[in-house]
C-alpha atoms as a PDB file:
ATOM      1  CA  MET A   1      -3.608   2.442 -28.344  1.00  0.00           C
ATOM      2  CA  CYS A   2      -4.623   0.441 -25.256  1.00  0.00           C
ATOM      3  CA  ASP A   3      -7.750  -1.365 -24.605  1.00  0.00           C
ATOM      4  CA  VAL A   4      -9.435   1.754 -22.926  1.00  0.00           C
ATOM      5  CA  CYS A   5      -8.606   3.718 -26.059  1.00  0.00           C
ATOM      6  CA  SER A   6     -10.439   1.137 -28.189  1.00  0.00           C
ATOM      7  CA  SER A   7     -13.300   0.810 -25.846  1.00  0.00           C
ATOM      8  CA  LYS A   8     -14.041   4.336 -24.684  1.00  0.00           C
ATOM      9  CA  PRO A   9     -14.650   7.768 -26.152  1.00  0.00           C
ATOM     10  CA  PRO A  10     -11.300   9.624 -26.671  1.00  0.00           C
ATOM     11  CA  VAL A  11     -10.279  12.315 -24.283  1.00  0.00           C
ATOM     12  CA  PHE A  12      -7.361  13.488 -26.296  1.00  0.00           C
ATOM     13  CA  ASN A  13      -7.126  14.108 -30.151  1.00  0.00           C
ATOM     14  CA  TYR A  14      -3.648  14.805 -31.571  1.00  0.00           C
ATOM     15  CA  GLU A  15      -1.902  15.274 -34.890  1.00  0.00           C
ATOM     16  CA  LEU A  16       1.614  14.227 -35.379  1.00  0.00           C
ATOM     17  CA  GLU A  17       3.890  15.210 -38.327  1.00  0.00           C
ATOM     18  CA  THR A  18       7.259  13.254 -38.702  1.00  0.00           C
ATOM     19  CA  CYS A  19       9.701  12.533 -41.502  1.00  0.00           C
ATOM     20  CA  GLY A  20       9.437   9.358 -43.164  1.00  0.00           C
ATOM     21  CA  GLU A  21      12.491   7.068 -44.315  1.00  0.00           C
ATOM     22  CA  ASN A  22      13.213   9.210 -47.314  1.00  0.00           C
ATOM     23  CA  GLY A  23      12.565  12.631 -45.538  1.00  0.00           C
ATOM     24  CA  GLU A  24       9.118  12.956 -46.801  1.00  0.00           C
ATOM     25  CA  PRO A  25       6.341  14.239 -44.238  1.00  0.00           C
ATOM     26  CA  GLU A  26       4.216  11.770 -42.731  1.00  0.00           C
ATOM     27  CA  GLU A  27       1.035  12.873 -40.770  1.00  0.00           C
ATOM     28  CA  GLN A  28      -0.611  10.679 -38.183  1.00  0.00           C
ATOM     29  CA  LYS A  29      -4.012  11.728 -36.646  1.00  0.00           C
ATOM     30  CA  SER A  30      -5.588   9.856 -33.694  1.00  0.00           C
ATOM     31  CA  PHE A  31      -7.040   9.978 -30.263  1.00  0.00           C
ATOM     32  CA  CYS A  32      -6.265   8.260 -26.958  1.00  0.00           C
ATOM     33  CA  CYS A  33      -7.425   7.782 -23.455  1.00  0.00           C
ATOM     34  CA  SER A  34      -6.227   9.926 -20.668  1.00  0.00           C
ATOM     35  CA  ARG A  35      -3.596   7.329 -19.501  1.00  0.00           C
ATOM     36  CA  CYS A  36      -2.065   7.019 -22.891  1.00  0.00           C
ATOM     37  CA  ALA A  37      -2.322  10.796 -23.273  1.00  0.00           C
ATOM     38  CA  VAL A  38      -0.096  11.418 -20.468  1.00  0.00           C
ATOM     39  CA  GLU A  39       2.368   8.689 -21.660  1.00  0.00           C
ATOM     40  CA  LEU A  40       2.235  10.345 -25.184  1.00  0.00           C
ATOM     41  CA  LEU A  41       2.882  13.873 -23.806  1.00  0.00           C
ATOM     42  CA  GLN A  42       5.708  12.629 -21.883  1.00  0.00           C
ATOM     43  CA  GLU A  43       7.259  10.994 -24.893  1.00  0.00           C
ATOM     44  CA  LEU A  44       6.842  14.011 -26.963  1.00  0.00           C
ATOM     45  CA  ARG A  45       8.417  16.181 -24.360  1.00  0.00           C
ATOM     46  CA  ARG A  46      11.413  13.846 -24.242  1.00  0.00           C
ATOM     47  CA  ALA A  47      11.921  13.661 -28.043  1.00  0.00           C
ATOM     48  CA  GLU A  48      11.589  17.641 -28.079  1.00  0.00           C
ATOM     49  CA  SER A  49      14.114  18.052 -25.389  1.00  0.00           C
ATOM     50  CA  GLN A  50      16.458  15.654 -27.153  1.00  0.00           C
ATOM     51  CA  LYS A  51      16.053  17.513 -30.552  1.00  0.00           C
ATOM     52  CA  TRP A  52      16.959  20.785 -28.792  1.00  0.00           C
ATOM     53  CA  ALA A  53      19.972  19.123 -27.191  1.00  0.00           C
ATOM     54  CA  GLU A  54      21.087  17.971 -30.630  1.00  0.00           C
ATOM     55  CA  GLU A  55      20.631  21.330 -32.274  1.00  0.00           C
ATOM     56  CA  GLU A  56      22.478  22.996 -29.359  1.00  0.00           C
ATOM     57  CA  ALA A  57      25.235  20.627 -29.800  1.00  0.00           C
ATOM     58  CA  ALA A  58      25.583  21.272 -33.501  1.00  0.00           C
ATOM     59  CA  LEU A  59      25.770  25.074 -32.927  1.00  0.00           C
ATOM     60  CA  GLU A  60      28.460  24.588 -30.428  1.00  0.00           C
ATOM     61  CA  ASP A  61      30.333  22.421 -32.781  1.00  0.00           C
ATOM     62  CA  ASP A  62      30.294  25.444 -35.265  1.00  0.00           C
ATOM     63  CA  ASP A  63      31.799  27.749 -32.453  1.00  0.00           C
ATOM     64  CA  VAL A  64      28.397  29.574 -31.780  1.00  0.00           C
ATOM     65  CA  ASP A  65      27.825  30.853 -28.381  1.00  0.00           C
ATOM     66  CA  VAL A  66      24.779  28.692 -26.985  1.00  0.00           C
ATOM     67  CA  THR A  67      24.723  30.144 -23.516  1.00  0.00           C
ATOM     68  CA  ASP A  68      21.133  31.739 -24.252  1.00  0.00           C
ATOM     69  CA  PHE A  69      19.906  28.756 -26.171  1.00  0.00           C
ATOM     70  CA  ARG A  70      20.997  26.360 -23.391  1.00  0.00           C
ATOM     71  CA  GLU A  71      19.111  28.752 -20.617  1.00  0.00           C
ATOM     72  CA  ARG A  72      16.047  28.533 -22.743  1.00  0.00           C
ATOM     73  CA  ARG A  73      16.291  24.696 -23.240  1.00  0.00           C
ATOM     74  CA  LEU A  74      16.843  24.022 -19.415  1.00  0.00           C
ATOM     75  CA  ALA A  75      14.000  26.374 -18.581  1.00  0.00           C
ATOM     76  CA  ALA A  76      11.678  24.643 -20.900  1.00  0.00           C
ATOM     77  CA  PHE A  77      12.978  20.935 -20.116  1.00  0.00           C
ATOM     78  CA  PRO A  78      14.272  20.910 -16.548  1.00  0.00           C
ATOM     79  CA  ILE A  79      16.544  18.053 -15.839  1.00  0.00           C
ATOM     80  CA  ARG A  80      13.969  15.932 -14.034  1.00  0.00           C
ATOM     81  CA  GLU A  81      11.593  16.249 -16.840  1.00  0.00           C
ATOM     82  CA  ARG A  82      14.177  14.966 -19.269  1.00  0.00           C
ATOM     83  CA  GLN A  83      14.984  11.772 -17.453  1.00  0.00           C
END
């Protein structure tokens, strides 16, 4: 959280569930200002795009046709957004 998040009312509430070190679910609930919200959403977009790409690569390694999967991933995450 930045100084604005700490000093002004939140504009974006979020809940995030991740895996801990041992694979156990960890939940985080918080809020942030509009500037931090934009940064958070961009980070979430990058992370989700990376996860999709990894899943696609794993399927491809198993000789699965990933053409449809790749088209959906590229439609959801255009190249300019993944950088």
